[in-house]
N, C-alpha and C. Protein backbone atom coordinates (compact mmCIF):
# COMPACT_ATOMS: atom_id res chain seq x y z
N MET A 1 69.84 -55.11 -24.36
CA MET A 1 70.32 -54.78 -22.79
C MET A 1 71.72 -55.00 -22.55
N THR A 2 72.29 -54.34 -21.94
CA THR A 2 73.88 -54.67 -21.98
C THR A 2 74.43 -55.43 -20.64
N GLU A 3 74.65 -56.41 -20.76
CA GLU A 3 75.34 -57.19 -19.54
C GLU A 3 76.16 -56.10 -18.47
N ARG A 4 75.76 -56.33 -17.45
CA ARG A 4 76.75 -55.51 -16.32
C ARG A 4 76.92 -56.64 -15.31
N PHE A 5 77.96 -56.17 -14.70
CA PHE A 5 78.56 -57.45 -13.41
C PHE A 5 78.95 -56.71 -12.34
N LEU A 6 78.72 -57.49 -11.26
CA LEU A 6 78.73 -57.09 -9.88
C LEU A 6 80.04 -58.47 -9.31
N VAL A 7 81.10 -57.65 -9.23
CA VAL A 7 81.96 -59.05 -8.53
C VAL A 7 81.92 -58.79 -7.22
N VAL A 8 82.01 -60.06 -6.86
CA VAL A 8 81.78 -60.61 -5.17
C VAL A 8 83.01 -61.51 -4.71
N ALA A 9 83.81 -61.07 -3.85
CA ALA A 9 85.00 -61.52 -3.26
C ALA A 9 84.86 -61.22 -1.77
N ALA A 10 85.40 -62.58 -1.28
CA ALA A 10 85.56 -62.84 0.50
C ALA A 10 86.49 -61.49 0.69
N THR A 11 87.35 -61.54 0.14
CA THR A 11 88.96 -60.82 0.95
C THR A 11 89.10 -59.76 -0.28
N ALA A 12 90.10 -58.80 0.29
CA ALA A 12 90.55 -57.69 -0.59
C ALA A 12 91.53 -58.36 -1.06
N ALA A 13 92.34 -59.27 -0.55
CA ALA A 13 93.45 -59.90 -0.90
C ALA A 13 92.90 -60.66 -2.35
N GLU A 14 91.90 -61.21 -2.17
CA GLU A 14 91.43 -62.17 -3.67
C GLU A 14 91.03 -61.16 -4.36
N ALA A 15 90.66 -60.05 -4.14
CA ALA A 15 90.21 -58.91 -5.21
C ALA A 15 90.98 -57.98 -5.96
N ALA A 16 92.36 -58.15 -5.36
CA ALA A 16 93.91 -57.35 -5.49
C ALA A 16 93.87 -56.62 -6.76
N HIS A 17 93.52 -57.47 -7.77
CA HIS A 17 93.78 -57.44 -9.07
C HIS A 17 92.55 -57.52 -9.78
N VAL A 18 91.34 -57.27 -9.11
CA VAL A 18 90.19 -56.67 -9.98
C VAL A 18 90.10 -55.80 -10.78
N PRO A 19 90.12 -55.72 -12.02
CA PRO A 19 89.92 -54.36 -12.74
C PRO A 19 89.15 -53.04 -11.96
N ALA A 20 89.74 -52.15 -12.00
CA ALA A 20 89.03 -50.93 -11.15
C ALA A 20 87.79 -50.73 -11.91
N ASP A 21 87.58 -50.61 -13.31
CA ASP A 21 86.04 -50.25 -13.74
C ASP A 21 85.11 -51.13 -13.42
N LEU A 22 85.09 -52.39 -12.65
CA LEU A 22 84.26 -53.29 -12.45
C LEU A 22 83.68 -52.85 -10.87
N PRO A 23 82.61 -53.08 -10.62
CA PRO A 23 81.94 -52.92 -9.19
C PRO A 23 82.18 -53.94 -8.28
N LEU A 24 82.98 -53.62 -7.34
CA LEU A 24 83.15 -54.71 -6.35
C LEU A 24 82.68 -54.94 -5.25
N VAL A 25 82.57 -55.96 -4.33
CA VAL A 25 81.93 -56.04 -3.15
C VAL A 25 82.95 -56.93 -2.48
N ILE A 26 83.53 -56.34 -1.14
CA ILE A 26 84.27 -57.31 -0.23
C ILE A 26 83.22 -57.87 0.89
N THR A 27 83.19 -59.30 0.98
CA THR A 27 81.88 -59.93 1.78
C THR A 27 82.54 -60.02 3.08
N GLY A 28 83.62 -60.43 3.18
CA GLY A 28 84.15 -60.99 4.54
C GLY A 28 84.13 -62.84 4.51
N LEU A 29 84.45 -63.31 5.56
CA LEU A 29 84.83 -64.97 5.36
C LEU A 29 83.19 -65.38 5.71
N GLY A 30 83.09 -66.40 4.98
CA GLY A 30 82.20 -67.35 5.60
C GLY A 30 80.90 -67.08 5.00
N LYS A 31 79.83 -68.09 5.14
CA LYS A 31 78.46 -67.79 4.44
C LYS A 31 77.54 -66.78 4.79
N THR A 32 77.36 -66.51 6.16
CA THR A 32 76.81 -65.73 6.56
C THR A 32 77.30 -64.38 6.09
N ALA A 33 78.34 -63.77 6.38
CA ALA A 33 78.92 -62.82 5.93
C ALA A 33 78.72 -62.49 4.18
N ALA A 34 78.65 -63.50 3.55
CA ALA A 34 78.81 -63.78 2.33
C ALA A 34 77.17 -63.27 1.77
N ALA A 35 76.37 -64.09 2.35
CA ALA A 35 75.02 -63.78 1.80
C ALA A 35 74.50 -62.45 2.02
N ALA A 36 74.61 -62.22 3.82
CA ALA A 36 74.23 -61.07 4.01
C ALA A 36 75.07 -59.65 3.09
N THR A 37 76.37 -59.94 2.88
CA THR A 37 76.68 -58.81 2.21
C THR A 37 76.24 -58.71 0.56
N THR A 38 76.19 -59.85 0.16
CA THR A 38 75.75 -60.31 -1.35
C THR A 38 74.02 -59.59 -1.38
N ALA A 39 73.80 -59.69 -0.66
CA ALA A 39 71.97 -59.19 -0.72
C ALA A 39 71.57 -57.83 -0.31
N ARG A 40 72.78 -57.51 0.48
CA ARG A 40 72.72 -55.75 0.52
C ARG A 40 73.21 -55.36 -0.53
N ALA A 41 74.14 -55.54 -1.10
CA ALA A 41 74.55 -55.04 -2.31
C ALA A 41 73.59 -54.97 -3.42
N LEU A 42 72.92 -56.10 -3.66
CA LEU A 42 72.06 -56.54 -4.54
C LEU A 42 71.00 -55.26 -4.18
N ALA A 43 70.57 -55.42 -3.27
CA ALA A 43 69.64 -54.41 -2.71
C ALA A 43 69.36 -52.65 -2.90
N SER A 44 70.83 -52.30 -3.22
CA SER A 44 71.23 -51.12 -3.58
C SER A 44 71.18 -50.88 -4.84
N TYR A 45 70.75 -51.50 -5.18
CA TYR A 45 70.56 -51.08 -7.35
C TYR A 45 69.32 -50.85 -7.40
N ASP A 46 69.06 -50.02 -8.21
CA ASP A 46 67.33 -49.56 -8.37
C ASP A 46 66.94 -50.51 -9.69
N ASP A 47 67.91 -51.18 -10.61
CA ASP A 47 67.40 -52.05 -11.36
C ASP A 47 68.65 -53.31 -11.55
N LEU A 48 68.07 -54.58 -11.47
CA LEU A 48 68.76 -55.67 -11.44
C LEU A 48 68.81 -56.10 -13.08
N ALA A 49 68.32 -55.45 -13.73
CA ALA A 49 67.81 -56.51 -15.39
C ALA A 49 69.65 -56.33 -16.04
N GLY A 50 70.05 -57.34 -16.40
CA GLY A 50 71.13 -57.41 -17.29
C GLY A 50 72.39 -57.69 -16.21
N LEU A 51 72.10 -57.69 -15.11
CA LEU A 51 73.33 -57.72 -14.01
C LEU A 51 73.49 -59.13 -13.69
N THR A 52 74.87 -59.08 -13.90
CA THR A 52 75.24 -60.87 -13.42
C THR A 52 76.26 -60.74 -12.18
N VAL A 53 75.54 -61.62 -11.03
CA VAL A 53 77.04 -61.63 -9.64
C VAL A 53 77.96 -62.63 -10.47
N LEU A 54 79.36 -62.07 -10.33
CA LEU A 54 80.71 -63.05 -10.46
C LEU A 54 81.41 -63.23 -9.27
N ASN A 55 81.33 -64.52 -8.53
CA ASN A 55 81.97 -64.78 -7.26
C ASN A 55 83.41 -64.77 -7.70
N VAL A 56 84.08 -64.29 -6.98
CA VAL A 56 85.63 -64.83 -7.79
C VAL A 56 86.46 -65.08 -6.56
N GLY A 57 87.31 -65.79 -6.19
CA GLY A 57 87.95 -66.28 -5.01
C GLY A 57 88.91 -67.55 -5.30
N THR A 58 89.16 -67.69 -4.05
CA THR A 58 90.27 -68.85 -3.92
C THR A 58 89.44 -70.25 -3.40
N ALA A 59 90.04 -71.05 -3.49
CA ALA A 59 89.43 -72.58 -3.26
C ALA A 59 90.44 -73.75 -2.96
N GLY A 60 90.03 -74.53 -2.32
CA GLY A 60 91.14 -75.60 -1.70
C GLY A 60 90.77 -76.55 -2.97
N ALA A 61 91.80 -77.55 -3.27
CA ALA A 61 91.63 -78.75 -4.22
C ALA A 61 91.29 -79.93 -3.51
N LEU A 62 89.94 -80.74 -3.50
CA LEU A 62 89.54 -81.42 -2.79
C LEU A 62 90.43 -83.27 -3.41
N ARG A 63 90.94 -83.14 -4.49
CA ARG A 63 91.32 -84.07 -5.28
C ARG A 63 92.52 -83.77 -5.70
N PRO A 64 93.78 -84.97 -6.01
CA PRO A 64 94.94 -84.44 -6.38
C PRO A 64 94.63 -84.21 -8.09
N GLY A 65 95.56 -83.44 -8.35
CA GLY A 65 96.26 -82.65 -9.54
C GLY A 65 95.20 -81.34 -9.99
N LEU A 66 94.32 -81.22 -9.39
CA LEU A 66 93.25 -80.13 -9.32
C LEU A 66 94.21 -78.74 -9.62
N ALA A 67 94.41 -77.95 -10.43
CA ALA A 67 95.15 -76.33 -10.26
C ALA A 67 94.57 -75.81 -11.21
N GLY A 68 94.86 -74.27 -10.59
CA GLY A 68 94.60 -73.54 -11.74
C GLY A 68 92.74 -73.03 -11.67
N LEU A 69 92.40 -72.57 -12.61
CA LEU A 69 91.49 -71.74 -12.76
C LEU A 69 90.05 -72.62 -12.87
N PHE A 70 88.63 -72.73 -12.21
CA PHE A 70 87.78 -73.09 -12.41
C PHE A 70 86.54 -72.50 -12.27
N GLU A 71 85.69 -72.81 -12.84
CA GLU A 71 84.21 -72.08 -13.03
C GLU A 71 83.02 -73.24 -12.95
N PRO A 72 82.91 -73.42 -11.56
CA PRO A 72 82.07 -74.55 -11.36
C PRO A 72 80.92 -74.67 -12.01
N GLY A 73 80.12 -75.88 -12.15
CA GLY A 73 78.76 -76.11 -12.55
C GLY A 73 77.68 -76.40 -11.49
N THR A 74 78.34 -76.71 -10.40
CA THR A 74 77.39 -77.23 -9.17
C THR A 74 78.07 -76.35 -7.71
N VAL A 75 77.31 -75.74 -7.17
CA VAL A 75 77.87 -75.59 -5.66
C VAL A 75 77.01 -76.26 -4.74
N LEU A 76 77.75 -76.85 -3.80
CA LEU A 76 77.36 -77.64 -2.56
C LEU A 76 77.10 -77.18 -1.47
N ASN A 77 76.24 -76.75 -0.50
CA ASN A 77 76.16 -76.33 0.65
C ASN A 77 76.50 -77.60 1.70
N HIS A 78 78.30 -78.12 1.97
CA HIS A 78 78.40 -79.14 2.53
C HIS A 78 78.24 -79.34 3.92
N ASP A 79 77.98 -78.18 4.97
CA ASP A 79 77.90 -78.37 5.96
C ASP A 79 76.12 -77.92 7.00
N ILE A 80 75.58 -78.69 6.07
CA ILE A 80 73.93 -78.27 6.48
C ILE A 80 73.99 -80.02 6.44
N SER A 81 72.96 -80.40 7.84
CA SER A 81 72.33 -81.57 7.71
C SER A 81 71.24 -81.65 6.90
N ALA A 82 71.52 -82.24 5.41
CA ALA A 82 70.73 -82.10 4.76
C ALA A 82 69.72 -83.16 4.84
N ASP A 83 70.23 -84.39 4.72
CA ASP A 83 69.08 -85.50 5.11
C ASP A 83 68.47 -85.53 6.15
N LEU A 84 68.86 -84.64 7.42
CA LEU A 84 67.94 -84.45 8.82
C LEU A 84 66.99 -83.38 8.22
N VAL A 85 66.94 -82.40 7.36
CA VAL A 85 66.18 -81.62 7.25
C VAL A 85 65.32 -82.06 6.23
N ARG A 86 65.55 -82.60 5.12
CA ARG A 86 64.41 -83.54 4.07
C ARG A 86 63.59 -84.54 5.19
N ALA A 87 64.27 -85.09 6.06
CA ALA A 87 63.40 -85.83 7.02
C ALA A 87 62.16 -85.18 7.97
N LEU A 88 62.67 -84.04 7.84
CA LEU A 88 61.49 -83.13 8.39
C LEU A 88 60.66 -82.57 7.52
N GLY A 89 60.69 -82.97 6.25
CA GLY A 89 60.12 -82.64 4.92
C GLY A 89 60.14 -81.27 4.37
N TYR A 90 61.45 -80.81 4.70
CA TYR A 90 61.66 -79.72 3.71
C TYR A 90 62.72 -80.05 2.59
N ASP A 91 62.88 -78.84 1.84
CA ASP A 91 64.08 -79.42 1.00
C ASP A 91 65.27 -78.17 1.24
N PRO A 92 66.25 -79.24 1.90
CA PRO A 92 67.34 -77.79 1.97
C PRO A 92 68.21 -77.72 0.98
N GLN A 93 67.84 -77.71 -0.30
CA GLN A 93 68.66 -77.17 -1.67
C GLN A 93 70.04 -77.03 -1.14
N GLU A 94 70.66 -78.13 -0.96
CA GLU A 94 71.81 -78.38 -0.61
C GLU A 94 72.83 -77.93 -1.91
N TYR A 95 72.11 -78.60 -3.02
CA TYR A 95 72.94 -78.75 -4.50
C TYR A 95 72.35 -76.99 -5.27
N LEU A 96 73.14 -76.17 -5.58
CA LEU A 96 72.63 -74.83 -6.85
C LEU A 96 73.37 -75.32 -8.01
N GLU A 97 72.63 -75.21 -8.89
CA GLU A 97 73.42 -75.44 -10.53
C GLU A 97 73.79 -73.97 -10.65
N VAL A 98 74.53 -73.74 -10.87
CA VAL A 98 75.35 -72.17 -11.29
C VAL A 98 76.17 -72.49 -12.52
N GLY A 99 76.33 -73.53 -13.38
CA GLY A 99 77.02 -73.10 -14.76
C GLY A 99 76.93 -74.49 -15.28
N GLU A 100 77.67 -74.68 -16.22
CA GLU A 100 77.47 -76.06 -17.06
C GLU A 100 78.91 -76.84 -17.09
N SER A 101 79.65 -77.07 -16.43
CA SER A 101 80.80 -77.65 -16.04
C SER A 101 80.47 -78.68 -15.03
N ASP A 102 80.90 -79.85 -15.06
CA ASP A 102 81.19 -80.63 -13.93
C ASP A 102 81.64 -80.61 -12.68
N VAL A 103 82.43 -79.40 -12.56
CA VAL A 103 82.94 -79.41 -11.60
C VAL A 103 82.04 -79.23 -10.41
N VAL A 104 82.20 -79.59 -8.93
CA VAL A 104 81.30 -79.08 -7.76
C VAL A 104 82.45 -78.64 -7.04
N LEU A 105 81.78 -77.02 -6.49
CA LEU A 105 82.31 -76.58 -5.63
C LEU A 105 81.41 -76.64 -3.98
N ALA A 106 82.32 -77.28 -3.22
CA ALA A 106 81.68 -77.49 -1.94
C ALA A 106 81.67 -76.29 -0.95
N THR A 107 80.80 -75.78 -0.33
CA THR A 107 80.87 -74.10 0.40
C THR A 107 80.49 -74.63 1.98
N GLY A 108 81.48 -74.39 2.66
CA GLY A 108 81.25 -74.44 4.20
C GLY A 108 81.59 -73.33 4.82
N ASP A 109 81.41 -73.53 6.33
CA ASP A 109 81.96 -72.59 7.18
C ASP A 109 83.56 -73.10 8.14
N VAL A 110 83.84 -74.25 7.45
CA VAL A 110 84.96 -75.16 7.74
C VAL A 110 85.96 -74.55 6.97
N PHE A 111 87.05 -74.05 7.81
CA PHE A 111 88.17 -73.96 6.77
C PHE A 111 89.13 -75.37 6.93
N VAL A 112 89.11 -76.12 5.46
CA VAL A 112 89.23 -77.06 5.35
C VAL A 112 90.90 -77.64 5.37
N THR A 113 91.58 -78.07 6.40
CA THR A 113 92.93 -78.19 6.72
C THR A 113 93.45 -79.99 7.18
N GLU A 114 92.09 -80.87 7.46
CA GLU A 114 92.38 -81.63 7.90
C GLU A 114 92.36 -82.88 7.12
N PRO A 115 93.04 -83.91 6.41
CA PRO A 115 92.69 -84.68 5.15
C PRO A 115 91.84 -85.52 5.50
N ALA A 116 91.27 -86.23 6.78
CA ALA A 116 90.18 -86.77 6.54
C ALA A 116 88.56 -85.80 6.43
N VAL A 117 88.85 -84.70 6.44
CA VAL A 117 87.79 -83.90 6.12
C VAL A 117 87.61 -83.60 4.66
N ARG A 118 89.24 -83.31 4.38
CA ARG A 118 89.12 -83.22 2.86
C ARG A 118 88.47 -84.40 2.30
N ASP A 119 89.10 -85.34 2.39
CA ASP A 119 89.10 -86.83 1.81
C ASP A 119 87.30 -87.18 1.87
N ALA A 120 86.44 -86.89 2.90
CA ALA A 120 85.27 -87.08 2.83
C ALA A 120 84.52 -85.97 2.17
N LEU A 121 84.82 -84.73 1.96
CA LEU A 121 84.35 -83.83 0.80
C LEU A 121 84.62 -84.04 -0.29
N ALA A 122 86.19 -84.65 -0.94
CA ALA A 122 86.26 -85.25 -2.43
C ALA A 122 84.99 -86.26 -2.85
N GLU A 123 84.63 -87.07 -1.86
CA GLU A 123 83.50 -87.89 -2.70
C GLU A 123 82.30 -87.21 -3.15
N ARG A 124 82.31 -85.91 -2.95
CA ARG A 124 81.26 -85.25 -3.37
C ARG A 124 81.36 -84.07 -4.14
N ALA A 125 82.61 -83.53 -4.25
CA ALA A 125 82.89 -82.20 -4.88
C ALA A 125 84.57 -82.36 -5.22
N HIS A 126 84.60 -81.18 -6.27
CA HIS A 126 86.20 -81.17 -6.59
C HIS A 126 86.92 -79.87 -5.63
N LEU A 127 86.29 -78.98 -5.70
CA LEU A 127 86.82 -77.73 -4.74
C LEU A 127 86.03 -77.37 -3.69
N VAL A 128 86.60 -76.80 -2.76
CA VAL A 128 86.06 -76.17 -1.62
C VAL A 128 86.26 -74.84 -1.32
N ASP A 129 85.35 -73.97 -0.75
CA ASP A 129 85.62 -72.71 -0.02
C ASP A 129 84.61 -72.32 0.87
N MET A 130 84.66 -71.21 1.15
CA MET A 130 83.68 -70.83 2.37
C MET A 130 82.56 -69.89 2.25
N GLU A 131 82.33 -69.23 0.90
CA GLU A 131 81.35 -68.26 0.56
C GLU A 131 80.36 -68.58 -1.09
N GLY A 132 81.14 -69.62 -1.92
CA GLY A 132 80.38 -69.39 -3.27
C GLY A 132 78.99 -69.87 -3.07
N TYR A 133 78.47 -70.85 -2.33
CA TYR A 133 76.87 -71.08 -2.15
C TYR A 133 76.37 -69.93 -1.49
N ALA A 134 76.76 -69.22 -0.60
CA ALA A 134 75.91 -68.34 -0.08
C ALA A 134 75.94 -67.47 -1.12
N VAL A 135 76.82 -66.51 -1.91
CA VAL A 135 76.85 -65.91 -2.42
C VAL A 135 76.18 -66.13 -3.63
N ALA A 136 75.54 -67.50 -4.48
CA ALA A 136 75.22 -67.76 -5.28
C ALA A 136 73.37 -67.74 -4.68
N SER A 137 73.24 -68.32 -3.46
CA SER A 137 72.08 -68.50 -3.06
C SER A 137 71.56 -66.86 -2.83
N ALA A 138 72.18 -65.71 -2.64
CA ALA A 138 71.59 -64.45 -2.25
C ALA A 138 71.52 -64.09 -3.69
N ALA A 139 71.89 -64.05 -4.56
CA ALA A 139 72.05 -63.88 -6.30
C ALA A 139 70.48 -64.32 -6.90
N ARG A 140 70.61 -65.87 -6.36
CA ARG A 140 69.44 -66.54 -6.94
C ARG A 140 67.75 -65.85 -6.33
N ALA A 141 68.10 -65.71 -5.00
CA ALA A 141 67.02 -64.99 -3.97
C ALA A 141 66.57 -63.96 -4.97
N ALA A 142 67.33 -63.12 -5.48
CA ALA A 142 66.97 -61.71 -5.75
C ALA A 142 67.03 -61.44 -7.43
N GLY A 143 67.12 -62.82 -8.10
CA GLY A 143 66.34 -63.32 -9.49
C GLY A 143 67.93 -62.59 -10.31
N VAL A 144 68.91 -62.84 -9.91
CA VAL A 144 70.08 -62.30 -10.78
C VAL A 144 70.82 -63.41 -11.03
N PRO A 145 71.08 -63.81 -12.17
CA PRO A 145 72.27 -64.54 -12.76
C PRO A 145 73.61 -64.76 -11.78
N GLU A 146 74.09 -65.79 -11.33
CA GLU A 146 75.54 -65.90 -11.17
C GLU A 146 76.51 -66.87 -11.78
N ARG A 147 77.50 -66.31 -11.45
CA ARG A 147 78.81 -67.02 -11.81
C ARG A 147 79.93 -67.51 -11.23
N LEU A 148 80.34 -68.40 -10.78
CA LEU A 148 81.27 -68.66 -9.58
C LEU A 148 82.95 -69.04 -10.28
N VAL A 149 83.94 -68.38 -10.13
CA VAL A 149 85.01 -68.34 -10.56
C VAL A 149 86.29 -68.56 -9.44
N LYS A 150 86.89 -69.97 -9.35
CA LYS A 150 87.61 -70.35 -8.50
C LYS A 150 89.07 -70.79 -8.45
N HIS A 151 89.70 -69.87 -7.87
CA HIS A 151 91.57 -70.63 -8.45
C HIS A 151 92.10 -71.40 -7.30
N VAL A 152 92.44 -72.59 -7.85
CA VAL A 152 92.77 -73.00 -6.38
C VAL A 152 94.06 -72.74 -5.87
N SER A 153 94.02 -72.20 -4.50
CA SER A 153 95.14 -71.63 -3.57
C SER A 153 96.03 -72.74 -2.91
N ASP A 154 95.32 -74.20 -2.57
CA ASP A 154 95.82 -75.12 -1.74
C ASP A 154 95.48 -76.41 -1.98
N ALA A 155 95.81 -77.39 -1.29
CA ALA A 155 95.55 -78.70 -1.39
C ALA A 155 94.38 -78.89 -0.16
N ALA A 156 93.66 -78.08 0.53
CA ALA A 156 92.57 -78.23 1.54
C ALA A 156 93.30 -79.01 2.02
N ASP A 157 94.46 -79.00 2.90
CA ASP A 157 95.31 -79.63 3.87
C ASP A 157 95.98 -78.77 4.69
N GLU A 158 97.03 -78.93 5.37
CA GLU A 158 98.07 -78.09 6.41
C GLU A 158 98.68 -76.83 5.58
N SER A 159 98.59 -77.36 4.22
CA SER A 159 99.29 -76.19 3.24
C SER A 159 98.43 -75.11 3.33
N ALA A 160 96.99 -75.15 3.52
CA ALA A 160 95.98 -74.09 3.37
C ALA A 160 96.34 -72.71 4.69
N LEU A 161 96.89 -73.48 5.96
CA LEU A 161 97.25 -72.61 6.72
C LEU A 161 98.33 -71.68 6.43
N ASP A 162 98.87 -71.66 5.17
CA ASP A 162 100.07 -70.73 4.38
C ASP A 162 99.05 -70.13 3.54
N TRP A 163 97.66 -69.73 3.47
CA TRP A 163 97.09 -69.25 2.47
C TRP A 163 97.18 -67.40 2.12
N THR A 164 97.78 -66.82 3.03
CA THR A 164 97.82 -65.78 2.94
C THR A 164 99.26 -65.32 2.48
N SER A 165 100.16 -66.69 1.97
CA SER A 165 101.27 -66.54 0.97
C SER A 165 101.09 -66.93 -0.16
N MET A 166 99.90 -67.72 -0.38
CA MET A 166 99.43 -67.98 -1.80
C MET A 166 98.34 -67.36 -2.21
N VAL A 167 97.81 -66.50 -1.94
CA VAL A 167 96.46 -65.78 -2.13
C VAL A 167 96.84 -64.52 -3.43
N GLU A 168 98.05 -64.33 -3.17
CA GLU A 168 98.48 -63.27 -4.47
C GLU A 168 98.45 -64.04 -5.99
N ALA A 169 98.93 -65.25 -5.91
CA ALA A 169 99.25 -65.42 -7.20
C ALA A 169 97.52 -65.89 -7.60
N SER A 170 96.51 -66.29 -6.72
CA SER A 170 95.29 -66.48 -7.21
C SER A 170 94.86 -65.08 -7.72
N ALA A 171 95.19 -64.31 -6.75
CA ALA A 171 94.14 -62.97 -7.41
C ALA A 171 95.07 -62.25 -8.72
N LEU A 172 95.97 -62.62 -8.90
CA LEU A 172 96.48 -62.40 -10.18
C LEU A 172 95.66 -63.16 -11.48
N ALA A 173 95.62 -64.22 -11.25
CA ALA A 173 94.94 -65.07 -12.09
C ALA A 173 93.43 -64.64 -12.38
N LEU A 174 92.70 -64.76 -11.19
CA LEU A 174 91.35 -63.92 -11.20
C LEU A 174 91.43 -62.42 -11.89
N GLY A 175 92.30 -61.78 -11.44
CA GLY A 175 92.19 -60.67 -11.99
C GLY A 175 92.00 -60.63 -13.64
N GLN A 176 93.33 -61.54 -14.27
CA GLN A 176 93.32 -61.83 -15.73
C GLN A 176 92.23 -62.29 -16.41
N TRP A 177 91.66 -63.22 -15.79
CA TRP A 177 90.51 -63.88 -16.16
C TRP A 177 89.16 -62.71 -16.34
N LEU A 178 89.13 -62.06 -15.60
CA LEU A 178 88.33 -60.78 -15.60
C LEU A 178 88.26 -60.00 -16.78
N ARG A 179 89.70 -59.68 -16.50
CA ARG A 179 90.21 -58.77 -17.77
C ARG A 179 89.95 -59.34 -19.06
N ASP A 180 90.21 -60.71 -19.40
CA ASP A 180 89.48 -61.83 -20.41
C ASP A 180 88.13 -62.19 -20.85
N ASN A 181 87.43 -61.71 -19.81
CA ASN A 181 86.24 -62.29 -19.90
C ASN A 181 84.94 -61.36 -19.72
N VAL A 182 85.19 -60.49 -19.29
CA VAL A 182 84.29 -59.28 -18.98
C VAL A 182 84.25 -58.21 -19.54
């Protein structure tokens, strides 16, 4: 069976250099848009056999010295009240294993620019984004393997407010990764 890919990105800016021969879905920002759009895209396939969802995009570095491309091994839904949900007797499944690396990506609907928020997240993760967990969850629900590839665009501080001027460098790196690896 031939491996096939569905590339999923939050914004057209992040996907600007995705090779034209790869199927691409733009979800919009945040977990809800990412989950719904990914699920809808997967439901449109007649046959999911051999399909892998590749979520590409930018991420903020939660720790000093992190730069470049990362393929996280774990993704964390960071803005769910996991302990409270567990206390109610339910498994919040806040961590999903998505690869083999030790890199943890925290996903939430918070656009992280505050040092206090960044530092608290850095205790549990290396990188932060707004869609990775949702894309992985939707792929998993459809029985499709997922991979996440993130490029550090900022330091998850006030520099993130200038994301629009930094996204092109990330898009170039992500496009090159896809050309080299898919």
